[in-house]
């Protein structure tokens, strides 16, 4: 029996977005080391976007998530708080976020942290290195499991 996962088109993902529990192994690397690892991430799936992976806060090494001022608001998930990701001398500013009090329907995201894969040394899903979603605003993780086209590249703002 094959354990290979089917390829998903991001154009089949819903809007408003869905939260999907995943049994994939997810790792985040910065400054030469694995700073977070979990076998129980959540994926947020939204039309035209590659999945954004959220790891349990407890999956991160102690001290690597440094709270910073400022928030943003998502019409679906609510208000996000931000972190710098810090490992020794390496600092990725505002490269991680969480929804401390997610909006109704997104409660599962509480105490889960999203990471901008382009700001990390590498992010991996089941051993596959992720390609970051284009643009400085989106935190999607592109793997061979998903097909686009993806929102985020120049000219796609109003898709």
Protein backbone atom coordinates (compact mmCIF):
# COMPACT_ATOMS: atom_id res chain seq x y z
CA UNK A 1 0.00 0.00 0.00
CA UNK A 2 1.33 3.44 -0.98
CA UNK A 3 1.71 6.07 1.74
CA UNK A 4 2.27 8.82 -0.82
CA UNK A 5 -0.06 11.77 -0.35
CA UNK A 6 -2.09 13.02 -3.33
CA UNK A 7 -1.10 16.27 -5.03
CA UNK A 8 -3.46 19.12 -4.11
CA UNK A 9 -4.36 22.15 -6.23
CA UNK A 10 -4.51 25.33 -4.17
CA UNK A 11 -7.48 26.28 -6.35
CA UNK A 12 -9.45 23.50 -4.65
CA UNK A 13 -8.80 24.98 -1.19
CA UNK A 14 -11.73 26.86 0.38
CA UNK A 15 -12.34 30.50 1.15
CA UNK A 16 -12.75 31.23 4.02
CA UNK A 17 -9.71 29.08 4.80
CA UNK A 18 -9.84 25.70 6.50
CA UNK A 19 -7.63 24.39 9.29
CA UNK A 20 -6.36 20.86 8.60
CA UNK A 21 -4.56 18.61 11.09
CA UNK A 22 -1.53 16.98 9.49
CA UNK A 23 0.58 14.03 10.53
CA UNK A 24 3.53 15.26 8.48
CA UNK A 25 6.88 15.86 10.16
CA UNK A 26 7.73 19.54 10.00
CA UNK A 27 11.10 21.09 10.87
CA UNK A 28 12.32 24.68 11.02
CA UNK A 29 16.06 25.40 10.77
CA UNK A 30 17.97 28.59 11.53
CA UNK A 31 21.67 29.25 12.04
CA UNK A 32 22.68 25.66 11.39
CA UNK A 33 20.29 23.92 13.75
CA UNK A 34 16.78 22.58 13.99
CA UNK A 35 14.87 25.01 16.22
CA UNK A 36 11.43 23.39 15.92
CA UNK A 37 10.14 19.94 15.05
CA UNK A 38 6.69 18.37 15.24
CA UNK A 39 4.69 15.47 13.88
CA UNK A 40 1.41 17.25 14.56
CA UNK A 41 1.33 20.54 12.66
CA UNK A 42 -1.81 22.30 11.48
CA UNK A 43 -2.17 23.52 7.91
CA UNK A 44 -4.25 26.54 6.95
CA UNK A 45 -5.63 25.98 3.45
CA UNK A 46 -6.94 28.97 1.49
CA UNK A 47 -7.83 29.35 -2.18
CA UNK A 48 -4.78 30.35 -4.29
CA UNK A 49 -2.31 30.01 -1.38
CA UNK A 50 0.08 27.17 -0.61
CA UNK A 51 -0.55 25.77 2.87
CA UNK A 52 0.70 27.75 5.83
CA UNK A 53 2.01 25.39 8.51
CA UNK A 54 1.45 26.12 12.20
CA UNK A 55 3.55 24.27 14.76
CA UNK A 56 2.65 23.85 18.42
CA UNK A 57 4.47 26.54 20.38
CA UNK A 58 5.98 23.75 22.49
CA UNK A 59 7.74 22.40 19.35
CA UNK A 60 10.15 25.35 19.40
CA UNK A 61 13.37 25.44 21.37
CA UNK A 62 13.05 27.52 24.48
CA UNK A 63 13.98 31.17 23.92
CA UNK A 64 14.00 31.26 20.10
CA UNK A 65 10.62 33.05 19.87
CA UNK A 66 11.08 36.62 21.13
CA UNK A 67 7.84 38.66 21.28
CA UNK A 68 7.92 41.99 19.43
CA UNK A 69 5.47 44.91 19.39
CA UNK A 70 2.75 45.24 16.80
CA UNK A 71 -0.12 43.16 15.49
CA UNK A 72 -1.97 42.56 12.24
CA UNK A 73 -5.57 41.53 11.68
CA UNK A 74 -6.80 38.71 9.47
CA UNK A 75 -10.47 38.92 8.51
CA UNK A 76 -10.79 35.20 9.19
CA UNK A 77 -8.34 34.25 11.94
CA UNK A 78 -8.29 37.44 14.02
CA UNK A 79 -5.42 39.43 15.52
CA UNK A 80 -1.89 38.06 15.15
CA UNK A 81 1.01 38.75 17.52
CA UNK A 82 4.59 38.53 16.22
CA UNK A 83 7.97 37.16 17.21
CA UNK A 84 11.53 37.62 16.10
CA UNK A 85 13.13 34.22 15.69
CA UNK A 86 16.53 34.35 17.42
CA UNK A 87 19.32 31.77 17.49
CA UNK A 88 22.65 32.95 18.89
CA UNK A 89 23.62 35.88 16.60
CA UNK A 90 21.00 35.12 13.94
CA UNK A 91 17.77 37.12 14.13
CA UNK A 92 14.83 36.83 11.72
CA UNK A 93 12.67 39.91 12.47
CA UNK A 94 8.90 39.34 12.78
CA UNK A 95 9.33 35.97 11.09
CA UNK A 96 6.83 34.09 13.28
CA UNK A 97 3.33 34.81 14.51
CA UNK A 98 0.43 33.35 16.41
CA UNK A 99 -3.22 34.12 17.06
CA UNK A 100 -3.49 34.35 20.86
CA UNK A 101 -7.30 34.51 20.69
CA UNK A 102 -8.34 33.21 17.26
CA UNK A 103 -11.70 34.10 15.79
CA UNK A 104 -14.56 31.58 16.01
CA UNK A 105 -13.90 28.64 13.74
CA UNK A 106 -10.11 28.99 14.10
CA UNK A 107 -9.74 28.11 17.79
CA UNK A 108 -7.43 25.19 16.89
CA UNK A 109 -4.74 27.75 15.96
CA UNK A 110 -4.42 28.93 19.56
CA UNK A 111 -0.91 28.19 20.84
CA UNK A 112 0.33 27.31 17.33
CA UNK A 113 2.99 29.38 15.60
CA UNK A 114 3.32 30.16 11.90
CA UNK A 115 6.76 30.80 10.41
CA UNK A 116 7.83 32.67 7.27
CA UNK A 117 9.84 29.96 5.50
CA UNK A 118 11.75 32.56 3.46
CA UNK A 119 13.17 34.07 6.65
CA UNK A 120 14.52 30.74 7.91
CA UNK A 121 17.60 28.81 6.84
CA UNK A 122 15.23 26.05 5.79
CA UNK A 123 11.82 24.58 6.50
CA UNK A 124 11.03 20.94 5.78
CA UNK A 125 7.90 18.83 5.40
CA UNK A 126 8.55 15.09 5.62
CA UNK A 127 12.19 15.77 4.73
CA UNK A 128 11.38 17.89 1.64
CA UNK A 129 12.80 21.40 1.67
CA UNK A 130 10.02 23.98 1.30
CA UNK A 131 9.99 26.73 -1.31
CA UNK A 132 8.63 29.92 0.30
CA UNK A 133 5.53 31.55 -1.18
CA UNK A 134 6.52 34.70 -3.06
CA UNK A 135 5.92 38.10 -1.51
CA UNK A 136 6.78 39.51 1.89
CA UNK A 137 3.29 39.17 3.38
CA UNK A 138 2.35 35.53 2.87
CA UNK A 139 3.72 32.56 4.81
CA UNK A 140 2.87 29.67 2.48
CA UNK A 141 5.01 26.54 2.24
CA UNK A 142 5.33 25.13 -1.30
CA UNK A 143 6.15 21.43 -1.58
CA UNK A 144 5.72 18.85 -4.33
CA UNK A 145 2.37 18.07 -2.69
CA UNK A 146 0.74 21.29 -3.99
CA UNK A 147 0.26 22.91 -7.38
CA UNK A 148 -0.54 26.52 -8.28
CA UNK A 149 -0.38 29.08 -9.64
CA UNK A 150 0.08 30.69 -6.24
CA UNK A 151 -0.89 34.14 -5.03
CA UNK A 152 2.05 36.28 -3.90
CA UNK A 153 4.04 36.92 -7.07
CA UNK A 154 4.01 40.41 -8.61
CA UNK A 155 0.64 41.07 -10.25
CA UNK A 156 -1.32 38.62 -8.09
CA UNK A 157 -2.38 40.98 -5.30
CA UNK A 158 -5.99 41.22 -6.45
CA UNK A 159 -6.63 37.58 -7.35
